[in-house]
Amino acid sequence: KLEGLKTIAVTTNGINLTRLLPRLKEAGLNAINISLDTLVPAKFEFIVRRKGTNLSFKATVLILAGMLCLLYLQVNCVVMRGFNEDEVLDFVDFTKDLPLDVRFIEYMPFDG
């Protein structure tokens, strides 16, 4: 309700998104960045350190199907050597015909 405010966005791994989305949408949410570094369920659970892969994919599928009428969806994928670099073409194939942007981000360790 702020004058001039055009976008309300959230960045999420999707774990709680399906539960929170109705209230977020009521609050004006119109853009989502989904962090999805892998399409392999076991790898996803390793990255987020908790169960919930199906919830993340469910949220993604709901959004992609247009059921939530969001204006903008972006998927962020951090590419990590030896972990998911072999999935880049899978991401391209998965998203090539969908109304979203995919951003491949270089993994940059900050451990010295």
PDB file of N, CA and C in Angstrom:
ATOM      1  N   LYS A   1       0.809  -1.208   0.000  1.00  0.00           N
ATOM      2  CA  LYS A   1       0.000   0.000   0.000  1.00  0.00           C
ATOM      3  C   LYS A   1       0.847   1.264   0.000  1.00  0.00           C
ATOM      4  N   LEU A   2       2.162   1.123  -0.079  1.00  0.00           N
ATOM      5  CA  LEU A   2       3.035   2.280  -0.123  1.00  0.00           C
ATOM      6  C   LEU A   2       3.013   2.881  -1.518  1.00  0.00           C
ATOM      7  N   GLU A   3       2.901   4.188  -1.587  1.00  0.00           N
ATOM      8  CA  GLU A   3       2.878   4.866  -2.870  1.00  0.00           C
ATOM      9  C   GLU A   3       4.186   4.620  -3.620  1.00  0.00           C
ATOM     10  N   GLY A   4       4.086   4.244  -4.869  1.00  0.00           N
ATOM     11  CA  GLY A   4       5.256   4.002  -5.696  1.00  0.00           C
ATOM     12  C   GLY A   4       5.807   2.590  -5.616  1.00  0.00           C
ATOM     13  N   LEU A   5       5.331   1.799  -4.675  1.00  0.00           N
ATOM     14  CA  LEU A   5       5.807   0.415  -4.542  1.00  0.00           C
ATOM     15  C   LEU A   5       5.236  -0.415  -5.679  1.00  0.00           C
ATOM     16  N   LYS A   6       6.117  -1.032  -6.449  1.00  0.00           N
ATOM     17  CA  LYS A   6       5.672  -1.793  -7.613  1.00  0.00           C
ATOM     18  C   LYS A   6       5.885  -3.289  -7.471  1.00  0.00           C
ATOM     19  N   THR A   7       6.883  -3.681  -6.682  1.00  0.00           N
ATOM     20  CA  THR A   7       7.214  -5.098  -6.582  1.00  0.00           C
ATOM     21  C   THR A   7       7.413  -5.493  -5.131  1.00  0.00           C
ATOM     22  N   ILE A   8       6.802  -6.600  -4.770  1.00  0.00           N
ATOM     23  CA  ILE A   8       7.072  -7.247  -3.494  1.00  0.00           C
ATOM     24  C   ILE A   8       7.520  -8.656  -3.843  1.00  0.00           C
ATOM     25  N   ALA A   9       8.754  -8.984  -3.488  1.00  0.00           N
ATOM     26  CA  ALA A   9       9.335 -10.265  -3.884  1.00  0.00           C
ATOM     27  C   ALA A   9       9.857 -11.005  -2.664  1.00  0.00           C
ATOM     28  N   VAL A  10       9.986 -12.302  -2.820  1.00  0.00           N
ATOM     29  CA  VAL A  10      10.557 -13.149  -1.782  1.00  0.00           C
ATOM     30  C   VAL A  10      11.528 -14.105  -2.458  1.00  0.00           C
ATOM     31  N   THR A  11      12.620 -14.407  -1.756  1.00  0.00           N
ATOM     32  CA  THR A  11      13.554 -15.436  -2.204  1.00  0.00           C
ATOM     33  C   THR A  11      13.430 -16.599  -1.239  1.00  0.00           C
ATOM     34  N   THR A  12      13.271 -17.797  -1.777  1.00  0.00           N
ATOM     35  CA  THR A  12      12.974 -18.958  -0.944  1.00  0.00           C
ATOM     36  C   THR A  12      13.471 -20.233  -1.600  1.00  0.00           C
ATOM     37  N   ASN A  13      13.668 -21.264  -0.777  1.00  0.00           N
ATOM     38  CA  ASN A  13      13.938 -22.584  -1.337  1.00  0.00           C
ATOM     39  C   ASN A  13      12.633 -23.341  -1.554  1.00  0.00           C
ATOM     40  N   GLY A  14      11.522 -22.741  -1.187  1.00  0.00           N
ATOM     41  CA  GLY A  14      10.208 -23.310  -1.456  1.00  0.00           C
ATOM     42  C   GLY A  14       9.666 -24.236  -0.391  1.00  0.00           C
ATOM     43  N   ILE A  15      10.441 -24.538   0.635  1.00  0.00           N
ATOM     44  CA  ILE A  15      10.015 -25.505   1.643  1.00  0.00           C
ATOM     45  C   ILE A  15       8.673 -25.117   2.260  1.00  0.00           C
ATOM     46  N   ASN A  16       8.516 -23.874   2.683  1.00  0.00           N
ATOM     47  CA  ASN A  16       7.270 -23.433   3.332  1.00  0.00           C
ATOM     48  C   ASN A  16       6.382 -22.598   2.422  1.00  0.00           C
ATOM     49  N   LEU A  17       6.740 -22.479   1.176  1.00  0.00           N
ATOM     50  CA  LEU A  17       6.046 -21.558   0.292  1.00  0.00           C
ATOM     51  C   LEU A  17       4.579 -21.907   0.081  1.00  0.00           C
ATOM     52  N   THR A  18       4.255 -23.160  -0.118  1.00  0.00           N
ATOM     53  CA  THR A  18       2.857 -23.494  -0.378  1.00  0.00           C
ATOM     54  C   THR A  18       1.978 -23.160   0.827  1.00  0.00           C
ATOM     55  N   ARG A  19       2.510 -23.296   2.035  1.00  0.00           N
ATOM     56  CA  ARG A  19       1.742 -22.973   3.239  1.00  0.00           C
ATOM     57  C   ARG A  19       1.575 -21.461   3.406  1.00  0.00           C
ATOM     58  N   LEU A  20       2.617 -20.699   3.083  1.00  0.00           N
ATOM     59  CA  LEU A  20       2.601 -19.257   3.316  1.00  0.00           C
ATOM     60  C   LEU A  20       2.088 -18.436   2.139  1.00  0.00           C
ATOM     61  N   LEU A  21       2.039 -19.039   0.970  1.00  0.00           N
ATOM     62  CA  LEU A  21       1.743 -18.279  -0.236  1.00  0.00           C
ATOM     63  C   LEU A  21       0.407 -17.539  -0.231  1.00  0.00           C
ATOM     64  N   PRO A  22      -0.676 -18.130   0.239  1.00  0.00           N
ATOM     65  CA  PRO A  22      -1.935 -17.365   0.233  1.00  0.00           C
ATOM     66  C   PRO A  22      -1.837 -16.044   0.998  1.00  0.00           C
ATOM     67  N   ARG A  23      -1.214 -16.066   2.171  1.00  0.00           N
ATOM     68  CA  ARG A  23      -1.078 -14.823   2.944  1.00  0.00           C
ATOM     69  C   ARG A  23      -0.099 -13.856   2.281  1.00  0.00           C
ATOM     70  N   LEU A  24       0.976 -14.378   1.705  1.00  0.00           N
ATOM     71  CA  LEU A  24       1.933 -13.518   1.017  1.00  0.00           C
ATOM     72  C   LEU A  24       1.290 -12.844  -0.196  1.00  0.00           C
ATOM     73  N   LYS A  25       0.491 -13.611  -0.907  1.00  0.00           N
ATOM     74  CA  LYS A  25      -0.194 -13.062  -2.075  1.00  0.00           C
ATOM     75  C   LYS A  25      -1.183 -11.968  -1.656  1.00  0.00           C
ATOM     76  N   GLU A  26      -1.909 -12.198  -0.564  1.00  0.00           N
ATOM     77  CA  GLU A  26      -2.817 -11.176  -0.043  1.00  0.00           C
ATOM     78  C   GLU A  26      -2.068  -9.905   0.326  1.00  0.00           C
ATOM     79  N   ALA A  27      -0.836 -10.051   0.782  1.00  0.00           N
ATOM     80  CA  ALA A  27      -0.029  -8.905   1.183  1.00  0.00           C
ATOM     81  C   ALA A  27       0.575  -8.179  -0.022  1.00  0.00           C
ATOM     82  N   GLY A  28       0.372  -8.726  -1.220  1.00  0.00           N
ATOM     83  CA  GLY A  28       0.836  -8.046  -2.417  1.00  0.00           C
ATOM     84  C   GLY A  28       2.009  -8.686  -3.115  1.00  0.00           C
ATOM     85  N   LEU A  29       2.425  -9.868  -2.683  1.00  0.00           N
ATOM     86  CA  LEU A  29       3.550 -10.547  -3.325  1.00  0.00           C
ATOM     87  C   LEU A  29       3.279 -10.720  -4.812  1.00  0.00           C
ATOM     88  N   ASN A  30       4.230 -10.313  -5.648  1.00  0.00           N
ATOM     89  CA  ASN A  30       4.042 -10.483  -7.084  1.00  0.00           C
ATOM     90  C   ASN A  30       5.305 -10.977  -7.798  1.00  0.00           C
ATOM     91  N   ALA A  31       6.299 -11.399  -7.021  1.00  0.00           N
ATOM     92  CA  ALA A  31       7.513 -11.957  -7.621  1.00  0.00           C
ATOM     93  C   ALA A  31       8.150 -12.937  -6.645  1.00  0.00           C
ATOM     94  N   ILE A  32       8.664 -14.019  -7.188  1.00  0.00           N
ATOM     95  CA  ILE A  32       9.320 -15.044  -6.370  1.00  0.00           C
ATOM     96  C   ILE A  32      10.633 -15.444  -7.019  1.00  0.00           C
ATOM     97  N   ASN A  33      11.676 -15.515  -6.206  1.00  0.00           N
ATOM     98  CA  ASN A  33      12.952 -16.111  -6.601  1.00  0.00           C
ATOM     99  C   ASN A  33      13.037 -17.441  -5.875  1.00  0.00           C
ATOM    100  N   ILE A  34      13.091 -18.520  -6.618  1.00  0.00           N
ATOM    101  CA  ILE A  34      13.231 -19.825  -6.000  1.00  0.00           C
ATOM    102  C   ILE A  34      14.674 -20.280  -6.145  1.00  0.00           C
ATOM    103  N   SER A  35      15.311 -20.579  -5.020  1.00  0.00           N
ATOM    104  CA  SER A  35      16.663 -21.126  -5.022  1.00  0.00           C
ATOM    105  C   SER A  35      16.542 -22.626  -5.216  1.00  0.00           C
ATOM    106  N   LEU A  36      16.989 -23.083  -6.350  1.00  0.00           N
ATOM    107  CA  LEU A  36      16.894 -24.495  -6.675  1.00  0.00           C
ATOM    108  C   LEU A  36      18.204 -24.896  -7.337  1.00  0.00           C
ATOM    109  N   ASP A  37      19.119 -25.453  -6.541  1.00  0.00           N
ATOM    110  CA  ASP A  37      20.457 -25.754  -7.035  1.00  0.00           C
ATOM    111  C   ASP A  37      20.567 -27.124  -7.688  1.00  0.00           C
ATOM    112  N   THR A  38      19.530 -27.926  -7.556  1.00  0.00           N
ATOM    113  CA  THR A  38      19.561 -29.266  -8.125  1.00  0.00           C
ATOM    114  C   THR A  38      18.144 -29.735  -8.399  1.00  0.00           C
ATOM    115  N   LEU A  39      18.021 -30.630  -9.355  1.00  0.00           N
ATOM    116  CA  LEU A  39      16.738 -31.266  -9.643  1.00  0.00           C
ATOM    117  C   LEU A  39      16.680 -32.671  -9.051  1.00  0.00           C
ATOM    118  N   VAL A  40      17.737 -33.069  -8.364  1.00  0.00           N
ATOM    119  CA  VAL A  40      17.823 -34.397  -7.757  1.00  0.00           C
ATOM    120  C   VAL A  40      17.372 -34.297  -6.300  1.00  0.00           C
ATOM    121  N   PRO A  41      16.283 -34.991  -5.940  1.00  0.00           N
ATOM    122  CA  PRO A  41      15.733 -34.861  -4.585  1.00  0.00           C
ATOM    123  C   PRO A  41      16.741 -35.073  -3.458  1.00  0.00           C
ATOM    124  N   ALA A  42      17.575 -36.080  -3.521  1.00  0.00           N
ATOM    125  CA  ALA A  42      18.529 -36.342  -2.434  1.00  0.00           C
ATOM    126  C   ALA A  42      19.545 -35.203  -2.309  1.00  0.00           C
ATOM    127  N   LYS A  43      19.982 -34.652  -3.422  1.00  0.00           N
ATOM    128  CA  LYS A  43      20.907 -33.526  -3.381  1.00  0.00           C
ATOM    129  C   LYS A  43      20.240 -32.288  -2.780  1.00  0.00           C
ATOM    130  N   PHE A  44      18.968 -32.076  -3.138  1.00  0.00           N
ATOM    131  CA  PHE A  44      18.247 -30.921  -2.588  1.00  0.00           C
ATOM    132  C   PHE A  44      18.163 -31.011  -1.074  1.00  0.00           C
ATOM    133  N   GLU A  45      17.809 -32.174  -0.572  1.00  0.00           N
ATOM    134  CA  GLU A  45      17.715 -32.348   0.883  1.00  0.00           C
ATOM    135  C   GLU A  45      19.073 -32.162   1.546  1.00  0.00           C
ATOM    136  N   PHE A  46      20.144 -32.561   0.884  1.00  0.00           N
ATOM    137  CA  PHE A  46      21.487 -32.347   1.421  1.00  0.00           C
ATOM    138  C   PHE A  46      21.795 -30.855   1.518  1.00  0.00           C
ATOM    139  N   ILE A  47      21.449 -30.108   0.486  1.00  0.00           N
ATOM    140  CA  ILE A  47      21.733 -28.671   0.459  1.00  0.00           C
ATOM    141  C   ILE A  47      20.964 -27.917   1.538  1.00  0.00           C
ATOM    142  N   VAL A  48      19.664 -28.183   1.656  1.00  0.00           N
ATOM    143  CA  VAL A  48      18.846 -27.426   2.617  1.00  0.00           C
ATOM    144  C   VAL A  48      18.883 -28.028   4.012  1.00  0.00           C
ATOM    145  N   ARG A  49      19.509 -29.201   4.131  1.00  0.00           N
ATOM    146  CA  ARG A  49      19.692 -29.882   5.418  1.00  0.00           C
ATOM    147  C   ARG A  49      18.383 -30.209   6.122  1.00  0.00           C
ATOM    148  N   ARG A  50      17.369 -30.533   5.325  1.00  0.00           N
ATOM    149  CA  ARG A  50      16.098 -30.959   5.908  1.00  0.00           C
ATOM    150  C   ARG A  50      15.236 -31.598   4.837  1.00  0.00           C
ATOM    151  N   LYS A  51      14.291 -32.373   5.292  1.00  0.00           N
ATOM    152  CA  LYS A  51      13.348 -32.996   4.373  1.00  0.00           C
ATOM    153  C   LYS A  51      12.457 -31.896   3.814  1.00  0.00           C
ATOM    154  N   GLY A  52      11.868 -32.128   2.663  1.00  0.00           N
ATOM    155  CA  GLY A  52      10.957 -31.140   2.113  1.00  0.00           C
ATOM    156  C   GLY A  52      11.081 -30.956   0.617  1.00  0.00           C
ATOM    157  N   THR A  53      11.819 -31.831  -0.034  1.00  0.00           N
ATOM    158  CA  THR A  53      11.996 -31.705  -1.471  1.00  0.00           C
ATOM    159  C   THR A  53      10.667 -31.647  -2.187  1.00  0.00           C
ATOM    160  N   ASN A  54       9.748 -32.510  -1.830  1.00  0.00           N
ATOM    161  CA  ASN A  54       8.461 -32.526  -2.516  1.00  0.00           C
ATOM    162  C   ASN A  54       7.726 -31.205  -2.365  1.00  0.00           C
ATOM    163  N   LEU A  55       7.852 -30.560  -1.199  1.00  0.00           N
ATOM    164  CA  LEU A  55       7.200 -29.269  -1.010  1.00  0.00           C
ATOM    165  C   LEU A  55       7.801 -28.223  -1.928  1.00  0.00           C
ATOM    166  N   SER A  56       9.104 -28.224  -2.083  1.00  0.00           N
ATOM    167  CA  SER A  56       9.738 -27.254  -2.962  1.00  0.00           C
ATOM    168  C   SER A  56       9.309 -27.468  -4.408  1.00  0.00           C
ATOM    169  N   PHE A  57       9.326 -28.694  -4.864  1.00  0.00           N
ATOM    170  CA  PHE A  57       8.907 -28.962  -6.226  1.00  0.00           C
ATOM    171  C   PHE A  57       7.422 -28.668  -6.407  1.00  0.00           C
ATOM    172  N   LYS A  58       6.612 -28.949  -5.399  1.00  0.00           N
ATOM    173  CA  LYS A  58       5.186 -28.639  -5.473  1.00  0.00           C
ATOM    174  C   LYS A  58       4.981 -27.140  -5.633  1.00  0.00           C
ATOM    175  N   ALA A  59       5.682 -26.343  -4.852  1.00  0.00           N
ATOM    176  CA  ALA A  59       5.576 -24.891  -4.958  1.00  0.00           C
ATOM    177  C   ALA A  59       6.005 -24.432  -6.343  1.00  0.00           C
ATOM    178  N   THR A  60       7.089 -24.985  -6.834  1.00  0.00           N
ATOM    179  CA  THR A  60       7.576 -24.609  -8.156  1.00  0.00           C
ATOM    180  C   THR A  60       6.555 -24.942  -9.225  1.00  0.00           C
ATOM    181  N   VAL A  61       6.006 -26.141  -9.172  1.00  0.00           N
ATOM    182  CA  VAL A  61       5.034 -26.563 -10.176  1.00  0.00           C
ATOM    183  C   VAL A  61       3.783 -25.694 -10.114  1.00  0.00           C
ATOM    184  N   LEU A  62       3.308 -25.376  -8.916  1.00  0.00           N
ATOM    185  CA  LEU A  62       2.131 -24.514  -8.784  1.00  0.00           C
ATOM    186  C   LEU A  62       2.370 -23.154  -9.415  1.00  0.00           C
ATOM    187  N   ILE A  63       3.530 -22.593  -9.134  1.00  0.00           N
ATOM    188  CA  ILE A  63       3.848 -21.273  -9.677  1.00  0.00           C
ATOM    189  C   ILE A  63       3.971 -21.340 -11.192  1.00  0.00           C
ATOM    190  N   LEU A  64       4.673 -22.345 -11.671  1.00  0.00           N
ATOM    191  CA  LEU A  64       4.896 -22.464 -13.106  1.00  0.00           C
ATOM    192  C   LEU A  64       3.604 -22.717 -13.866  1.00  0.00           C
ATOM    193  N   ALA A  65       2.667 -23.372 -13.231  1.00  0.00           N
ATOM    194  CA  ALA A  65       1.397 -23.654 -13.887  1.00  0.00           C
ATOM    195  C   ALA A  65       0.535 -22.397 -13.988  1.00  0.00           C
ATOM    196  N   GLY A  66       0.974 -21.320 -13.383  1.00  0.00           N
ATOM    197  CA  GLY A  66       0.222 -20.073 -13.462  1.00  0.00           C
ATOM    198  C   GLY A  66      -0.966 -20.015 -12.537  1.00  0.00           C
ATOM    199  N   MET A  67      -1.078 -20.978 -11.643  1.00  0.00           N
ATOM    200  CA  MET A  67      -2.238 -21.044 -10.759  1.00  0.00           C
ATOM    201  C   MET A  67      -2.248 -19.912  -9.739  1.00  0.00           C
ATOM    202  N   LEU A  68      -1.105 -19.282  -9.535  1.00  0.00           N
ATOM    203  CA  LEU A  68      -1.018 -18.264  -8.503  1.00  0.00           C
ATOM    204  C   LEU A  68      -0.997 -16.851  -9.074  1.00  0.00           C
ATOM    205  N   CYS A  69      -1.020 -16.739 -10.378  1.00  0.00           N
ATOM    206  CA  CYS A  69      -1.095 -15.436 -11.052  1.00  0.00           C
ATOM    207  C   CYS A  69      -0.005 -14.463 -10.604  1.00  0.00           C
ATOM    208  N   LEU A  70       1.182 -14.940 -10.428  1.00  0.00           N
ATOM    209  CA  LEU A  70       2.290 -14.055 -10.072  1.00  0.00           C
ATOM    210  C   LEU A  70       2.831 -13.414 -11.341  1.00  0.00           C
ATOM    211  N   LEU A  71       3.373 -12.243 -11.204  1.00  0.00           N
ATOM    212  CA  LEU A  71       3.879 -11.525 -12.364  1.00  0.00           C
ATOM    213  C   LEU A  71       5.265 -11.989 -12.794  1.00  0.00           C
ATOM    214  N   TYR A  72       6.058 -12.453 -11.855  1.00  0.00           N
ATOM    215  CA  TYR A  72       7.438 -12.765 -12.195  1.00  0.00           C
ATOM    216  C   TYR A  72       7.956 -13.922 -11.353  1.00  0.00           C
ATOM    217  N   LEU A  73       8.620 -14.849 -12.004  1.00  0.00           N
ATOM    218  CA  LEU A  73       9.253 -15.966 -11.309  1.00  0.00           C
ATOM    219  C   LEU A  73      10.660 -16.135 -11.853  1.00  0.00           C
ATOM    220  N   GLN A  74      11.598 -16.283 -10.937  1.00  0.00           N
ATOM    221  CA  GLN A  74      12.992 -16.532 -11.302  1.00  0.00           C
ATOM    222  C   GLN A  74      13.495 -17.725 -10.502  1.00  0.00           C
ATOM    223  N   VAL A  75      14.263 -18.574 -11.144  1.00  0.00           N
ATOM    224  CA  VAL A  75      14.914 -19.687 -10.474  1.00  0.00           C
ATOM    225  C   VAL A  75      16.402 -19.387 -10.438  1.00  0.00           C
ATOM    226  N   ASN A  76      16.981 -19.423  -9.241  1.00  0.00           N
ATOM    227  CA  ASN A  76      18.414 -19.229  -9.061  1.00  0.00           C
ATOM    228  C   ASN A  76      19.064 -20.582  -8.832  1.00  0.00           C
ATOM    229  N   CYS A  77      20.094 -20.889  -9.600  1.00  0.00           N
ATOM    230  CA  CYS A  77      20.821 -22.146  -9.462  1.00  0.00           C
ATOM    231  C   CYS A  77      22.302 -21.847  -9.294  1.00  0.00           C
ATOM    232  N   VAL A  78      22.830 -22.161  -8.106  1.00  0.00           N
ATOM    233  CA  VAL A  78      24.264 -22.015  -7.872  1.00  0.00           C
ATOM    234  C   VAL A  78      24.938 -23.274  -8.410  1.00  0.00           C
ATOM    235  N   VAL A  79      25.823 -23.095  -9.370  1.00  0.00           N
ATOM    236  CA  VAL A  79      26.510 -24.229  -9.996  1.00  0.00           C
ATOM    237  C   VAL A  79      27.789 -24.513  -9.223  1.00  0.00           C
ATOM    238  N   MET A  80      27.917 -25.774  -8.764  1.00  0.00           N
ATOM    239  CA  MET A  80      29.065 -26.181  -7.950  1.00  0.00           C
ATOM    240  C   MET A  80      29.766 -27.370  -8.596  1.00  0.00           C
ATOM    241  N   ARG A  81      31.049 -27.210  -8.839  1.00  0.00           N
ATOM    242  CA  ARG A  81      31.848 -28.269  -9.452  1.00  0.00           C
ATOM    243  C   ARG A  81      31.798 -29.532  -8.591  1.00  0.00           C
ATOM    244  N   GLY A  82      31.573 -30.661  -9.237  1.00  0.00           N
ATOM    245  CA  GLY A  82      31.543 -31.929  -8.530  1.00  0.00           C
ATOM    246  C   GLY A  82      30.229 -32.203  -7.821  1.00  0.00           C
ATOM    247  N   PHE A  83      29.287 -31.279  -7.922  1.00  0.00           N
ATOM    248  CA  PHE A  83      28.003 -31.479  -7.240  1.00  0.00           C
ATOM    249  C   PHE A  83      26.833 -31.414  -8.209  1.00  0.00           C
ATOM    250  N   ASN A  84      26.735 -30.344  -8.980  1.00  0.00           N
ATOM    251  CA  ASN A  84      25.570 -30.212  -9.848  1.00  0.00           C
ATOM    252  C   ASN A  84      25.876 -29.650 -11.241  1.00  0.00           C
ATOM    253  N   GLU A  85      27.167 -29.486 -11.576  1.00  0.00           N
ATOM    254  CA  GLU A  85      27.463 -28.918 -12.888  1.00  0.00           C
ATOM    255  C   GLU A  85      26.970 -29.812 -14.018  1.00  0.00           C
ATOM    256  N   ASP A  86      26.762 -31.087 -13.730  1.00  0.00           N
ATOM    257  CA  ASP A  86      26.241 -32.001 -14.736  1.00  0.00           C
ATOM    258  C   ASP A  86      24.742 -31.831 -14.969  1.00  0.00           C
ATOM    259  N   GLU A  87      24.086 -30.951 -14.192  1.00  0.00           N
ATOM    260  CA  GLU A  87      22.644 -30.748 -14.312  1.00  0.00           C
ATOM    261  C   GLU A  87      22.268 -29.482 -15.083  1.00  0.00           C
ATOM    262  N   VAL A  88      23.236 -28.708 -15.540  1.00  0.00           N
ATOM    263  CA  VAL A  88      22.925 -27.443 -16.208  1.00  0.00           C
ATOM    264  C   VAL A  88      21.995 -27.664 -17.397  1.00  0.00           C
ATOM    265  N   LEU A  89      22.301 -28.627 -18.241  1.00  0.00           N
ATOM    266  CA  LEU A  89      21.434 -28.890 -19.395  1.00  0.00           C
ATOM    267  C   LEU A  89      20.064 -29.410 -18.965  1.00  0.00           C
ATOM    268  N   ASP A  90      20.005 -30.130 -17.848  1.00  0.00           N
ATOM    269  CA  ASP A  90      18.710 -30.577 -17.316  1.00  0.00           C
ATOM    270  C   ASP A  90      17.858 -29.373 -16.904  1.00  0.00           C
ATOM    271  N   PHE A  91      18.492 -28.372 -16.277  1.00  0.00           N
ATOM    272  CA  PHE A  91      17.775 -27.144 -15.913  1.00  0.00           C
ATOM    273  C   PHE A  91      17.257 -26.435 -17.157  1.00  0.00           C
ATOM    274  N   VAL A  92      18.093 -26.354 -18.169  1.00  0.00           N
ATOM    275  CA  VAL A  92      17.687 -25.697 -19.409  1.00  0.00           C
ATOM    276  C   VAL A  92      16.501 -26.438 -20.006  1.00  0.00           C
ATOM    277  N   ASP A  93      16.579 -27.754 -20.059  1.00  0.00           N
ATOM    278  CA  ASP A  93      15.495 -28.554 -20.614  1.00  0.00           C
ATOM    279  C   ASP A  93      14.218 -28.413 -19.789  1.00  0.00           C
ATOM    280  N   PHE A  94      14.358 -28.411 -18.468  1.00  0.00           N
ATOM    281  CA  PHE A  94      13.222 -28.306 -17.544  1.00  0.00           C
ATOM    282  C   PHE A  94      12.504 -26.964 -17.691  1.00  0.00           C
ATOM    283  N   THR A  95      13.231 -25.911 -18.008  1.00  0.00           N
ATOM    284  CA  THR A  95      12.656 -24.572 -17.960  1.00  0.00           C
ATOM    285  C   THR A  95      12.489 -23.890 -19.312  1.00  0.00           C
ATOM    286  N   LYS A  96      12.971 -24.490 -20.382  1.00  0.00           N
ATOM    287  CA  LYS A  96      13.032 -23.782 -21.666  1.00  0.00           C
ATOM    288  C   LYS A  96      11.680 -23.303 -22.186  1.00  0.00           C
ATOM    289  N   ASP A  97      10.608 -23.982 -21.865  1.00  0.00           N
ATOM    290  CA  ASP A  97       9.287 -23.590 -22.370  1.00  0.00           C
ATOM    291  C   ASP A  97       8.397 -22.987 -21.288  1.00  0.00           C
ATOM    292  N   LEU A  98       8.981 -22.640 -20.165  1.00  0.00           N
ATOM    293  CA  LEU A  98       8.206 -22.103 -19.049  1.00  0.00           C
ATOM    294  C   LEU A  98       8.391 -20.591 -18.936  1.00  0.00           C
ATOM    295  N   PRO A  99       7.373 -19.903 -18.416  1.00  0.00           N
ATOM    296  CA  PRO A  99       7.447 -18.440 -18.303  1.00  0.00           C
ATOM    297  C   PRO A  99       8.226 -17.984 -17.074  1.00  0.00           C
ATOM    298  N   LEU A 100       9.538 -18.165 -17.118  1.00  0.00           N
ATOM    299  CA  LEU A 100      10.376 -17.784 -15.988  1.00  0.00           C
ATOM    300  C   LEU A 100      11.773 -17.503 -16.481  1.00  0.00           C
ATOM    301  N   ASP A 101      12.561 -16.937 -15.608  1.00  0.00           N
ATOM    302  CA  ASP A 101      13.973 -16.728 -15.892  1.00  0.00           C
ATOM    303  C   ASP A 101      14.783 -17.663 -15.012  1.00  0.00           C
ATOM    304  N   VAL A 102      15.852 -18.218 -15.573  1.00  0.00           N
ATOM    305  CA  VAL A 102      16.782 -19.036 -14.802  1.00  0.00           C
ATOM    306  C   VAL A 102      18.105 -18.288 -14.761  1.00  0.00           C
ATOM    307  N   ARG A 103      18.647 -18.182 -13.559  1.00  0.00           N
ATOM    308  CA  ARG A 103      19.936 -17.514 -13.399  1.00  0.00           C
ATOM    309  C   ARG A 103      20.913 -18.528 -12.820  1.00  0.00           C
ATOM    310  N   PHE A 104      21.960 -18.839 -13.591  1.00  0.00           N
ATOM    311  CA  PHE A 104      23.019 -19.717 -13.110  1.00  0.00           C
ATOM    312  C   PHE A 104      24.067 -18.843 -12.429  1.00  0.00           C
ATOM    313  N   ILE A 105      24.356 -19.164 -11.178  1.00  0.00           N
ATOM    314  CA  ILE A 105      25.249 -18.364 -10.361  1.00  0.00           C
ATOM    315  C   ILE A 105      26.489 -19.185 -10.039  1.00  0.00           C
ATOM    316  N   GLU A 106      27.660 -18.577 -10.192  1.00  0.00           N
ATOM    317  CA  GLU A 106      28.902 -19.265  -9.871  1.00  0.00           C
ATOM    318  C   GLU A 106      29.050 -19.393  -8.361  1.00  0.00           C
ATOM    319  N   TYR A 107      29.373 -20.578  -7.902  1.00  0.00           N
ATOM    320  CA  TYR A 107      29.638 -20.809  -6.483  1.00  0.00           C
ATOM    321  C   TYR A 107      30.935 -20.117  -6.111  1.00  0.00           C
ATOM    322  N   MET A 108      30.887 -19.325  -5.053  1.00  0.00           N
ATOM    323  CA  MET A 108      32.078 -18.599  -4.615  1.00  0.00           C
ATOM    324  C   MET A 108      32.294 -18.856  -3.134  1.00  0.00           C
ATOM    325  N   PRO A 109      33.157 -19.809  -2.787  1.00  0.00           N
ATOM    326  CA  PRO A 109      33.396 -20.094  -1.374  1.00  0.00           C
ATOM    327  C   PRO A 109      34.105 -18.923  -0.682  1.00  0.00           C
ATOM    328  N   PHE A 110      33.710 -18.652   0.528  1.00  0.00           N
ATOM    329  CA  PHE A 110      34.302 -17.544   1.288  1.00  0.00           C
ATOM    330  C   PHE A 110      35.038 -18.077   2.518  1.00  0.00           C
ATOM    331  N   ASP A 111      35.810 -19.128   2.306  1.00  0.00           N
ATOM    332  CA  ASP A 111      36.517 -19.749   3.429  1.00  0.00           C
ATOM    333  C   ASP A 111      38.017 -19.467   3.391  1.00  0.00           C
ATOM    334  N   GLY A 112      38.381 -18.286   2.973  1.00  0.00           N
ATOM    335  CA  GLY A 112      39.781 -17.906   2.970  1.00  0.00           C
ATOM    336  C   GLY A 112      40.342 -17.809   1.607  1.00  0.00           C
TER     337      GLY A 112
END
